[in-house]
Amino acid sequence: MIQLTNAARDAVRSAIAGSSNPAEGIRIMVEAGGCSGFKYMMGLVSAPEKDDIVVLCDDVKVFVDRESSPHLEGTTVDFVVSLEQSGFSFDNPNAASKCSCGKSFN
């Protein structure tokens, strides 16, 4: 359904370890908006919602709501560090196009 690279898993583990609130995993969802039509949203959560799909990537739990699931099917999430920026990036086979920032798609 969705995959996290080693770098992305390490970044999520680090975020969970440094969180001031208890976190069981990370929620990844798609919302209308951004410069290309849809935008990715991510955040640590303490528990899944009732209808979430739970994906286990090694020991990292990823929670995806049912509405976002079709948009995220087959997506690989990476964490990149470069001179220009650092953060999560999305390789989404369902995206017809994406903006230059990589955080929104169509």
PDB file of N, CA and C in Angstrom:
ATOM      1  N   MET A   1       0.838  -1.188   0.000  1.00  0.00           N
ATOM      2  CA  MET A   1       0.000   0.000   0.000  1.00  0.00           C
ATOM      3  C   MET A   1       0.876   1.242   0.000  1.00  0.00           C
ATOM      4  N   ILE A   2       1.693   1.420   1.020  1.00  0.00           N
ATOM      5  CA  ILE A   2       2.626   2.543   1.104  1.00  0.00           C
ATOM      6  C   ILE A   2       3.912   2.007   1.718  1.00  0.00           C
ATOM      7  N   GLN A   3       5.039   2.544   1.274  1.00  0.00           N
ATOM      8  CA  GLN A   3       6.330   2.089   1.770  1.00  0.00           C
ATOM      9  C   GLN A   3       7.127   3.274   2.301  1.00  0.00           C
ATOM     10  N   LEU A   4       7.945   3.003   3.302  1.00  0.00           N
ATOM     11  CA  LEU A   4       8.885   3.995   3.816  1.00  0.00           C
ATOM     12  C   LEU A   4      10.293   3.475   3.559  1.00  0.00           C
ATOM     13  N   THR A   5      11.163   4.333   3.048  1.00  0.00           N
ATOM     14  CA  THR A   5      12.560   3.943   2.891  1.00  0.00           C
ATOM     15  C   THR A   5      13.211   3.869   4.273  1.00  0.00           C
ATOM     16  N   ASN A   6      14.423   3.341   4.319  1.00  0.00           N
ATOM     17  CA  ASN A   6      15.156   3.278   5.588  1.00  0.00           C
ATOM     18  C   ASN A   6      15.305   4.676   6.188  1.00  0.00           C
ATOM     19  N   ALA A   7      15.630   5.666   5.345  1.00  0.00           N
ATOM     20  CA  ALA A   7      15.807   7.028   5.838  1.00  0.00           C
ATOM     21  C   ALA A   7      14.497   7.589   6.401  1.00  0.00           C
ATOM     22  N   ALA A   8      13.386   7.298   5.750  1.00  0.00           N
ATOM     23  CA  ALA A   8      12.084   7.765   6.244  1.00  0.00           C
ATOM     24  C   ALA A   8      11.729   7.082   7.557  1.00  0.00           C
ATOM     25  N   ARG A   9      11.969   5.790   7.656  1.00  0.00           N
ATOM     26  CA  ARG A   9      11.687   5.084   8.914  1.00  0.00           C
ATOM     27  C   ARG A   9      12.530   5.660  10.052  1.00  0.00           C
ATOM     28  N   ASP A  10      13.817   5.920   9.780  1.00  0.00           N
ATOM     29  CA  ASP A  10      14.691   6.503  10.808  1.00  0.00           C
ATOM     30  C   ASP A  10      14.187   7.878  11.240  1.00  0.00           C
ATOM     31  N   ALA A  11      13.725   8.684  10.286  1.00  0.00           N
ATOM     32  CA  ALA A  11      13.218  10.025  10.608  1.00  0.00           C
ATOM     33  C   ALA A  11      11.957   9.938  11.457  1.00  0.00           C
ATOM     34  N   VAL A  12      11.073   8.996  11.149  1.00  0.00           N
ATOM     35  CA  VAL A  12       9.844   8.829  11.940  1.00  0.00           C
ATOM     36  C   VAL A  12      10.194   8.331  13.336  1.00  0.00           C
ATOM     37  N   ARG A  13      11.096   7.362  13.429  1.00  0.00           N
ATOM     38  CA  ARG A  13      11.517   6.863  14.745  1.00  0.00           C
ATOM     39  C   ARG A  13      12.084   8.002  15.588  1.00  0.00           C
ATOM     40  N   SER A  14      12.907   8.838  14.985  1.00  0.00           N
ATOM     41  CA  SER A  14      13.511   9.962  15.692  1.00  0.00           C
ATOM     42  C   SER A  14      12.439  10.953  16.153  1.00  0.00           C
ATOM     43  N   ALA A  15      11.458  11.218  15.297  1.00  0.00           N
ATOM     44  CA  ALA A  15      10.370  12.135  15.661  1.00  0.00           C
ATOM     45  C   ALA A  15       9.548  11.572  16.819  1.00  0.00           C
ATOM     46  N   ILE A  16       9.265  10.281  16.774  1.00  0.00           N
ATOM     47  CA  ILE A  16       8.499   9.647  17.849  1.00  0.00           C
ATOM     48  C   ILE A  16       9.284   9.712  19.162  1.00  0.00           C
ATOM     49  N   ALA A  17      10.582   9.398  19.092  1.00  0.00           N
ATOM     50  CA  ALA A  17      11.414   9.415  20.303  1.00  0.00           C
ATOM     51  C   ALA A  17      11.512  10.813  20.894  1.00  0.00           C
ATOM     52  N   GLY A  18      11.494  11.852  20.053  1.00  0.00           N
ATOM     53  CA  GLY A  18      11.633  13.209  20.532  1.00  0.00           C
ATOM     54  C   GLY A  18      10.320  13.914  20.829  1.00  0.00           C
ATOM     55  N   SER A  19       9.211  13.226  20.597  1.00  0.00           N
ATOM     56  CA  SER A  19       7.901  13.844  20.795  1.00  0.00           C
ATOM     57  C   SER A  19       7.583  14.011  22.273  1.00  0.00           C
ATOM     58  N   SER A  20       6.997  15.158  22.614  1.00  0.00           N
ATOM     59  CA  SER A  20       6.605  15.390  24.005  1.00  0.00           C
ATOM     60  C   SER A  20       5.298  14.673  24.346  1.00  0.00           C
ATOM     61  N   ASN A  21       4.555  14.265  23.320  1.00  0.00           N
ATOM     62  CA  ASN A  21       3.318  13.500  23.511  1.00  0.00           C
ATOM     63  C   ASN A  21       3.530  12.066  23.054  1.00  0.00           C
ATOM     64  N   PRO A  22       2.868  11.108  23.676  1.00  0.00           N
ATOM     65  CA  PRO A  22       3.008   9.723  23.235  1.00  0.00           C
ATOM     66  C   PRO A  22       2.553   9.572  21.786  1.00  0.00           C
ATOM     67  N   ALA A  23       3.323   8.872  20.989  1.00  0.00           N
ATOM     68  CA  ALA A  23       2.976   8.656  19.582  1.00  0.00           C
ATOM     69  C   ALA A  23       3.152   7.183  19.243  1.00  0.00           C
ATOM     70  N   GLU A  24       2.125   6.620  18.613  1.00  0.00           N
ATOM     71  CA  GLU A  24       2.179   5.216  18.205  1.00  0.00           C
ATOM     72  C   GLU A  24       2.677   5.071  16.772  1.00  0.00           C
ATOM     73  N   GLY A  25       2.511   6.132  15.976  1.00  0.00           N
ATOM     74  CA  GLY A  25       2.929   6.063  14.584  1.00  0.00           C
ATOM     75  C   GLY A  25       2.696   7.379  13.888  1.00  0.00           C
ATOM     76  N   ILE A  26       2.696   7.326  12.576  1.00  0.00           N
ATOM     77  CA  ILE A  26       2.540   8.532  11.765  1.00  0.00           C
ATOM     78  C   ILE A  26       1.323   8.388  10.850  1.00  0.00           C
ATOM     79  N   ARG A  27       0.544   9.459  10.760  1.00  0.00           N
ATOM     80  CA  ARG A  27      -0.596   9.490   9.846  1.00  0.00           C
ATOM     81  C   ARG A  27      -0.146  10.194   8.572  1.00  0.00           C
ATOM     82  N   ILE A  28      -0.407   9.562   7.441  1.00  0.00           N
ATOM     83  CA  ILE A  28      -0.161  10.172   6.138  1.00  0.00           C
ATOM     84  C   ILE A  28      -1.502  10.248   5.438  1.00  0.00           C
ATOM     85  N   MET A  29      -1.846  11.446   4.980  1.00  0.00           N
ATOM     86  CA  MET A  29      -3.133  11.616   4.313  1.00  0.00           C
ATOM     87  C   MET A  29      -3.004  12.599   3.165  1.00  0.00           C
ATOM     88  N   VAL A  30      -4.038  12.639   2.355  1.00  0.00           N
ATOM     89  CA  VAL A  30      -4.114  13.538   1.212  1.00  0.00           C
ATOM     90  C   VAL A  30      -5.310  14.448   1.416  1.00  0.00           C
ATOM     91  N   GLU A  31      -5.108  15.751   1.202  1.00  0.00           N
ATOM     92  CA  GLU A  31      -6.192  16.724   1.304  1.00  0.00           C
ATOM     93  C   GLU A  31      -6.222  17.560   0.034  1.00  0.00           C
ATOM     94  N   ALA A  32      -7.374  18.099  -0.282  1.00  0.00           N
ATOM     95  CA  ALA A  32      -7.472  19.039  -1.394  1.00  0.00           C
ATOM     96  C   ALA A  32      -6.685  20.285  -1.033  1.00  0.00           C
ATOM     97  N   GLY A  33      -5.931  20.802  -1.996  1.00  0.00           N
ATOM     98  CA  GLY A  33      -5.162  22.007  -1.760  1.00  0.00           C
ATOM     99  C   GLY A  33      -3.794  21.925  -2.377  1.00  0.00           C
ATOM    100  N   GLY A  34      -2.929  22.791  -1.957  1.00  0.00           N
ATOM    101  CA  GLY A  34      -1.595  22.849  -2.530  1.00  0.00           C
ATOM    102  C   GLY A  34      -1.642  23.496  -3.903  1.00  0.00           C
ATOM    103  N   CYS A  35      -0.519  23.577  -4.560  1.00  0.00           N
ATOM    104  CA  CYS A  35      -0.469  24.252  -5.859  1.00  0.00           C
ATOM    105  C   CYS A  35      -0.815  23.328  -7.016  1.00  0.00           C
ATOM    106  N   SER A  36      -1.019  22.039  -6.764  1.00  0.00           N
ATOM    107  CA  SER A  36      -1.315  21.111  -7.852  1.00  0.00           C
ATOM    108  C   SER A  36      -2.650  20.386  -7.702  1.00  0.00           C
ATOM    109  N   GLY A  37      -3.428  20.681  -6.679  1.00  0.00           N
ATOM    110  CA  GLY A  37      -4.743  20.056  -6.516  1.00  0.00           C
ATOM    111  C   GLY A  37      -4.894  19.266  -5.230  1.00  0.00           C
ATOM    112  N   PHE A  38      -3.880  18.471  -4.881  1.00  0.00           N
ATOM    113  CA  PHE A  38      -3.871  17.700  -3.641  1.00  0.00           C
ATOM    114  C   PHE A  38      -2.563  17.960  -2.920  1.00  0.00           C
ATOM    115  N   LYS A  39      -2.594  17.853  -1.591  1.00  0.00           N
ATOM    116  CA  LYS A  39      -1.363  17.997  -0.823  1.00  0.00           C
ATOM    117  C   LYS A  39      -1.249  16.870   0.191  1.00  0.00           C
ATOM    118  N   TYR A  40      -0.010  16.504   0.477  1.00  0.00           N
ATOM    119  CA  TYR A  40       0.274  15.488   1.475  1.00  0.00           C
ATOM    120  C   TYR A  40       0.268  16.130   2.853  1.00  0.00           C
ATOM    121  N   MET A  41      -0.299  15.414   3.809  1.00  0.00           N
ATOM    122  CA  MET A  41      -0.284  15.851   5.203  1.00  0.00           C
ATOM    123  C   MET A  41       0.283  14.704   6.034  1.00  0.00           C
ATOM    124  N   MET A  42       1.128  15.032   6.990  1.00  0.00           N
ATOM    125  CA  MET A  42       1.737  14.018   7.849  1.00  0.00           C
ATOM    126  C   MET A  42       1.761  14.532   9.280  1.00  0.00           C
ATOM    127  N   GLY A  43       1.656  13.618  10.220  1.00  0.00           N
ATOM    128  CA  GLY A  43       1.772  13.998  11.612  1.00  0.00           C
ATOM    129  C   GLY A  43       1.812  12.781  12.507  1.00  0.00           C
ATOM    130  N   LEU A  44       2.444  12.937  13.640  1.00  0.00           N
ATOM    131  CA  LEU A  44       2.484  11.862  14.634  1.00  0.00           C
ATOM    132  C   LEU A  44       1.116  11.758  15.296  1.00  0.00           C
ATOM    133  N   VAL A  45       0.693  10.536  15.573  1.00  0.00           N
ATOM    134  CA  VAL A  45      -0.585  10.312  16.246  1.00  0.00           C
ATOM    135  C   VAL A  45      -0.409   9.259  17.331  1.00  0.00           C
ATOM    136  N   SER A  46      -1.267   9.362  18.344  1.00  0.00           N
ATOM    137  CA  SER A  46      -1.164   8.439  19.473  1.00  0.00           C
ATOM    138  C   SER A  46      -1.891   7.123  19.217  1.00  0.00           C
ATOM    139  N   ALA A  47      -2.828   7.117  18.270  1.00  0.00           N
ATOM    140  CA  ALA A  47      -3.589   5.902  17.975  1.00  0.00           C
ATOM    141  C   ALA A  47      -4.268   6.058  16.621  1.00  0.00           C
ATOM    142  N   PRO A  48      -4.571   4.954  15.969  1.00  0.00           N
ATOM    143  CA  PRO A  48      -5.283   5.044  14.690  1.00  0.00           C
ATOM    144  C   PRO A  48      -6.739   5.451  14.903  1.00  0.00           C
ATOM    145  N   GLU A  49      -7.317   6.030  13.860  1.00  0.00           N
ATOM    146  CA  GLU A  49      -8.758   6.287  13.848  1.00  0.00           C
ATOM    147  C   GLU A  49      -9.469   4.969  13.557  1.00  0.00           C
ATOM    148  N   LYS A  50     -10.763   4.925  13.811  1.00  0.00           N
ATOM    149  CA  LYS A  50     -11.544   3.691  13.698  1.00  0.00           C
ATOM    150  C   LYS A  50     -11.423   3.021  12.322  1.00  0.00           C
ATOM    151  N   ASP A  51     -11.466   3.794  11.247  1.00  0.00           N
ATOM    152  CA  ASP A  51     -11.465   3.222   9.902  1.00  0.00           C
ATOM    153  C   ASP A  51     -10.112   3.288   9.199  1.00  0.00           C
ATOM    154  N   ASP A  52      -9.048   3.601   9.932  1.00  0.00           N
ATOM    155  CA  ASP A  52      -7.726   3.697   9.314  1.00  0.00           C
ATOM    156  C   ASP A  52      -7.222   2.353   8.806  1.00  0.00           C
ATOM    157  N   ILE A  53      -6.445   2.421   7.756  1.00  0.00           N
ATOM    158  CA  ILE A  53      -5.643   1.288   7.309  1.00  0.00           C
ATOM    159  C   ILE A  53      -4.305   1.424   8.038  1.00  0.00           C
ATOM    160  N   VAL A  54      -3.856   0.365   8.666  1.00  0.00           N
ATOM    161  CA  VAL A  54      -2.595   0.391   9.405  1.00  0.00           C
ATOM    162  C   VAL A  54      -1.568  -0.397   8.600  1.00  0.00           C
ATOM    163  N   VAL A  55      -0.477   0.279   8.235  1.00  0.00           N
ATOM    164  CA  VAL A  55       0.602  -0.346   7.479  1.00  0.00           C
ATOM    165  C   VAL A  55       1.818  -0.404   8.395  1.00  0.00           C
ATOM    166  N   LEU A  56       2.390  -1.584   8.538  1.00  0.00           N
ATOM    167  CA  LEU A  56       3.576  -1.747   9.365  1.00  0.00           C
ATOM    168  C   LEU A  56       4.807  -1.790   8.464  1.00  0.00           C
ATOM    169  N   CYS A  57       5.676  -0.801   8.612  1.00  0.00           N
ATOM    170  CA  CYS A  57       6.935  -0.725   7.871  1.00  0.00           C
ATOM    171  C   CYS A  57       8.045  -1.009   8.870  1.00  0.00           C
ATOM    172  N   ASP A  58       8.481  -2.251   8.923  1.00  0.00           N
ATOM    173  CA  ASP A  58       9.343  -2.731  10.002  1.00  0.00           C
ATOM    174  C   ASP A  58       8.608  -2.478  11.311  1.00  0.00           C
ATOM    175  N   ASP A  59       9.169  -1.630  12.178  1.00  0.00           N
ATOM    176  CA  ASP A  59       8.522  -1.356  13.467  1.00  0.00           C
ATOM    177  C   ASP A  59       7.787  -0.017  13.477  1.00  0.00           C
ATOM    178  N   VAL A  60       7.676   0.636  12.331  1.00  0.00           N
ATOM    179  CA  VAL A  60       7.010   1.939  12.232  1.00  0.00           C
ATOM    180  C   VAL A  60       5.589   1.741  11.714  1.00  0.00           C
ATOM    181  N   LYS A  61       4.622   2.258  12.468  1.00  0.00           N
ATOM    182  CA  LYS A  61       3.225   2.158  12.054  1.00  0.00           C
ATOM    183  C   LYS A  61       2.836   3.401  11.263  1.00  0.00           C
ATOM    184  N   VAL A  62       2.223   3.152  10.099  1.00  0.00           N
ATOM    185  CA  VAL A  62       1.715   4.221   9.246  1.00  0.00           C
ATOM    186  C   VAL A  62       0.203   4.082   9.200  1.00  0.00           C
ATOM    187  N   PHE A  63      -0.506   5.160   9.508  1.00  0.00           N
ATOM    188  CA  PHE A  63      -1.967   5.163   9.499  1.00  0.00           C
ATOM    189  C   PHE A  63      -2.455   5.969   8.304  1.00  0.00           C
ATOM    190  N   VAL A  64      -3.334   5.358   7.513  1.00  0.00           N
ATOM    191  CA  VAL A  64      -3.868   6.002   6.312  1.00  0.00           C
ATOM    192  C   VAL A  64      -5.392   5.923   6.379  1.00  0.00           C
ATOM    193  N   ASP A  65      -6.060   7.081   6.217  1.00  0.00           N
ATOM    194  CA  ASP A  65      -7.520   7.057   6.235  1.00  0.00           C
ATOM    195  C   ASP A  65      -8.031   6.493   4.902  1.00  0.00           C
ATOM    196  N   ARG A  66      -9.232   5.965   4.915  1.00  0.00           N
ATOM    197  CA  ARG A  66      -9.805   5.288   3.737  1.00  0.00           C
ATOM    198  C   ARG A  66      -9.927   6.208   2.522  1.00  0.00           C
ATOM    199  N   GLU A  67     -10.202   7.486   2.740  1.00  0.00           N
ATOM    200  CA  GLU A  67     -10.342   8.418   1.609  1.00  0.00           C
ATOM    201  C   GLU A  67      -9.004   8.688   0.932  1.00  0.00           C
ATOM    202  N   SER A  68      -7.925   8.687   1.695  1.00  0.00           N
ATOM    203  CA  SER A  68      -6.602   8.942   1.132  1.00  0.00           C
ATOM    204  C   SER A  68      -5.995   7.708   0.486  1.00  0.00           C
ATOM    205  N   SER A  69      -6.443   6.554   0.881  1.00  0.00           N
ATOM    206  CA  SER A  69      -5.854   5.293   0.438  1.00  0.00           C
ATOM    207  C   SER A  69      -5.682   5.175  -1.078  1.00  0.00           C
ATOM    208  N   PRO A  70      -6.716   5.453  -1.898  1.00  0.00           N
ATOM    209  CA  PRO A  70      -6.527   5.310  -3.345  1.00  0.00           C
ATOM    210  C   PRO A  70      -5.454   6.249  -3.911  1.00  0.00           C
ATOM    211  N   HIS A  71      -5.304   7.425  -3.303  1.00  0.00           N
ATOM    212  CA  HIS A  71      -4.305   8.395  -3.769  1.00  0.00           C
ATOM    213  C   HIS A  71      -2.890   7.990  -3.376  1.00  0.00           C
ATOM    214  N   LEU A  72      -2.754   7.166  -2.336  1.00  0.00           N
ATOM    215  CA  LEU A  72      -1.441   6.808  -1.804  1.00  0.00           C
ATOM    216  C   LEU A  72      -0.994   5.398  -2.179  1.00  0.00           C
ATOM    217  N   GLU A  73      -1.846   4.639  -2.824  1.00  0.00           N
ATOM    218  CA  GLU A  73      -1.530   3.251  -3.198  1.00  0.00           C
ATOM    219  C   GLU A  73      -0.220   3.206  -3.998  1.00  0.00           C
ATOM    220  N   GLY A  74       0.747   2.442  -3.511  1.00  0.00           N
ATOM    221  CA  GLY A  74       2.018   2.272  -4.211  1.00  0.00           C
ATOM    222  C   GLY A  74       3.038   3.367  -3.963  1.00  0.00           C
ATOM    223  N   THR A  75       2.723   4.329  -3.099  1.00  0.00           N
ATOM    224  CA  THR A  75       3.625   5.452  -2.841  1.00  0.00           C
ATOM    225  C   THR A  75       4.800   5.023  -1.963  1.00  0.00           C
ATOM    226  N   THR A  76       5.974   5.542  -2.295  1.00  0.00           N
ATOM    227  CA  THR A  76       7.161   5.361  -1.468  1.00  0.00           C
ATOM    228  C   THR A  76       7.528   6.710  -0.867  1.00  0.00           C
ATOM    229  N   VAL A  77       7.679   6.726   0.452  1.00  0.00           N
ATOM    230  CA  VAL A  77       8.048   7.946   1.170  1.00  0.00           C
ATOM    231  C   VAL A  77       9.521   7.840   1.559  1.00  0.00           C
ATOM    232  N   ASP A  78      10.259   8.884   1.258  1.00  0.00           N
ATOM    233  CA  ASP A  78      11.683   8.934   1.573  1.00  0.00           C
ATOM    234  C   ASP A  78      11.941  10.164   2.442  1.00  0.00           C
ATOM    235  N   PHE A  79      13.081  10.195   3.098  1.00  0.00           N
ATOM    236  CA  PHE A  79      13.520  11.390   3.815  1.00  0.00           C
ATOM    237  C   PHE A  79      14.859  11.777   3.222  1.00  0.00           C
ATOM    238  N   VAL A  80      14.920  12.972   2.651  1.00  0.00           N
ATOM    239  CA  VAL A  80      16.125  13.405   1.968  1.00  0.00           C
ATOM    240  C   VAL A  80      16.741  14.598   2.695  1.00  0.00           C
ATOM    241  N   VAL A  81      18.066  14.633   2.664  1.00  0.00           N
ATOM    242  CA  VAL A  81      18.818  15.738   3.235  1.00  0.00           C
ATOM    243  C   VAL A  81      19.715  16.263   2.114  1.00  0.00           C
ATOM    244  N   SER A  82      19.550  17.541   1.801  1.00  0.00           N
ATOM    245  CA  SER A  82      20.380  18.158   0.762  1.00  0.00           C
ATOM    246  C   SER A  82      20.749  19.569   1.199  1.00  0.00           C
ATOM    247  N   LEU A  83      21.559  20.217   0.405  1.00  0.00           N
ATOM    248  CA  LEU A  83      21.949  21.590   0.720  1.00  0.00           C
ATOM    249  C   LEU A  83      20.768  22.545   0.664  1.00  0.00           C
ATOM    250  N   GLU A  84      19.829  22.280  -0.253  1.00  0.00           N
ATOM    251  CA  GLU A  84      18.688  23.162  -0.434  1.00  0.00           C
ATOM    252  C   GLU A  84      17.596  22.956   0.605  1.00  0.00           C
ATOM    253  N   GLN A  85      17.336  21.691   0.954  1.00  0.00           N
ATOM    254  CA  GLN A  85      16.253  21.410   1.900  1.00  0.00           C
ATOM    255  C   GLN A  85      16.365  19.995   2.445  1.00  0.00           C
ATOM    256  N   SER A  86      15.688  19.776   3.534  1.00  0.00           N
ATOM    257  CA  SER A  86      15.593  18.444   4.115  1.00  0.00           C
ATOM    258  C   SER A  86      14.130  18.173   4.408  1.00  0.00           C
ATOM    259  N   GLY A  87      13.733  16.928   4.249  1.00  0.00           N
ATOM    260  CA  GLY A  87      12.354  16.577   4.569  1.00  0.00           C
ATOM    261  C   GLY A  87      11.893  15.341   3.838  1.00  0.00           C
ATOM    262  N   PHE A  88      10.625  15.047   4.016  1.00  0.00           N
ATOM    263  CA  PHE A  88      10.028  13.879   3.389  1.00  0.00           C
ATOM    264  C   PHE A  88       9.719  14.170   1.927  1.00  0.00           C
ATOM    265  N   SER A  89       9.919  13.170   1.084  1.00  0.00           N
ATOM    266  CA  SER A  89       9.555  13.272  -0.321  1.00  0.00           C
ATOM    267  C   SER A  89       8.687  12.073  -0.675  1.00  0.00           C
ATOM    268  N   PHE A  90       7.861  12.243  -1.690  1.00  0.00           N
ATOM    269  CA  PHE A  90       6.873  11.243  -2.066  1.00  0.00           C
ATOM    270  C   PHE A  90       7.062  10.834  -3.509  1.00  0.00           C
ATOM    271  N   ASP A  91       7.208   9.537  -3.744  1.00  0.00           N
ATOM    272  CA  ASP A  91       7.232   8.993  -5.104  1.00  0.00           C
ATOM    273  C   ASP A  91       5.898   8.276  -5.281  1.00  0.00           C
ATOM    274  N   ASN A  92       4.955   8.980  -5.926  1.00  0.00           N
ATOM    275  CA  ASN A  92       3.572   8.507  -6.010  1.00  0.00           C
ATOM    276  C   ASN A  92       3.233   8.150  -7.456  1.00  0.00           C
ATOM    277  N   PRO A  93       3.026   6.861  -7.749  1.00  0.00           N
ATOM    278  CA  PRO A  93       2.705   6.458  -9.121  1.00  0.00           C
ATOM    279  C   PRO A  93       1.318   6.924  -9.572  1.00  0.00           C
ATOM    280  N   ASN A  94       0.486   7.396  -8.660  1.00  0.00           N
ATOM    281  CA  ASN A  94      -0.862   7.871  -8.995  1.00  0.00           C
ATOM    282  C   ASN A  94      -0.887   9.347  -9.377  1.00  0.00           C
ATOM    283  N   ALA A  95       0.220  10.034  -9.198  1.00  0.00           N
ATOM    284  CA  ALA A  95       0.269  11.472  -9.477  1.00  0.00           C
ATOM    285  C   ALA A  95       0.533  11.702 -10.961  1.00  0.00           C
ATOM    286  N   ALA A  96      -0.396  12.394 -11.622  1.00  0.00           N
ATOM    287  CA  ALA A  96      -0.208  12.744 -13.035  1.00  0.00           C
ATOM    288  C   ALA A  96       0.862  13.831 -13.169  1.00  0.00           C
ATOM    289  N   SER A  97       0.927  14.718 -12.163  1.00  0.00           N
ATOM    290  CA  SER A  97       1.944  15.762 -12.126  1.00  0.00           C
ATOM    291  C   SER A  97       2.139  16.176 -10.680  1.00  0.00           C
ATOM    292  N   LYS A  98       3.243  16.873 -10.418  1.00  0.00           N
ATOM    293  CA  LYS A  98       3.484  17.376  -9.063  1.00  0.00           C
ATOM    294  C   LYS A  98       4.161  18.728  -9.160  1.00  0.00           C
ATOM    295  N   CYS A  99       4.046  19.484  -8.088  1.00  0.00           N
ATOM    296  CA  CYS A  99       4.668  20.801  -8.066  1.00  0.00           C
ATOM    297  C   CYS A  99       6.163  20.648  -7.800  1.00  0.00           C
ATOM    298  N   SER A 100       6.891  21.717  -7.970  1.00  0.00           N
ATOM    299  CA  SER A 100       8.340  21.648  -7.802  1.00  0.00           C
ATOM    300  C   SER A 100       8.767  21.391  -6.368  1.00  0.00           C
ATOM    301  N   CYS A 101       7.909  21.743  -5.405  1.00  0.00           N
ATOM    302  CA  CYS A 101       8.259  21.491  -4.002  1.00  0.00           C
ATOM    303  C   CYS A 101       8.092  20.019  -3.632  1.00  0.00           C
ATOM    304  N   GLY A 102       7.315  19.267  -4.436  1.00  0.00           N
ATOM    305  CA  GLY A 102       7.122  17.848  -4.177  1.00  0.00           C
ATOM    306  C   GLY A 102       6.104  17.543  -3.095  1.00  0.00           C
ATOM    307  N   LYS A 103       5.435  18.556  -2.568  1.00  0.00           N
ATOM    308  CA  LYS A 103       4.480  18.349  -1.479  1.00  0.00           C
ATOM    309  C   LYS A 103       3.039  18.323  -1.952  1.00  0.00           C
ATOM    310  N   SER A 104       2.813  18.637  -3.235  1.00  0.00           N
ATOM    311  CA  SER A 104       1.452  18.554  -3.764  1.00  0.00           C
ATOM    312  C   SER A 104       1.481  17.915  -5.149  1.00  0.00           C
ATOM    313  N   PHE A 105       0.327  17.386  -5.558  1.00  0.00           N
ATOM    314  CA  PHE A 105       0.253  16.651  -6.815  1.00  0.00           C
ATOM    315  C   PHE A 105      -1.136  16.731  -7.399  1.00  0.00           C
ATOM    316  N   ASN A 106      -1.257  16.254  -8.607  1.00  0.00           N
ATOM    317  CA  ASN A 106      -2.540  16.211  -9.301  1.00  0.00           C
ATOM    318  C   ASN A 106      -2.756  14.797  -9.822  1.00  0.00           C
TER     319      ASN A 106
END
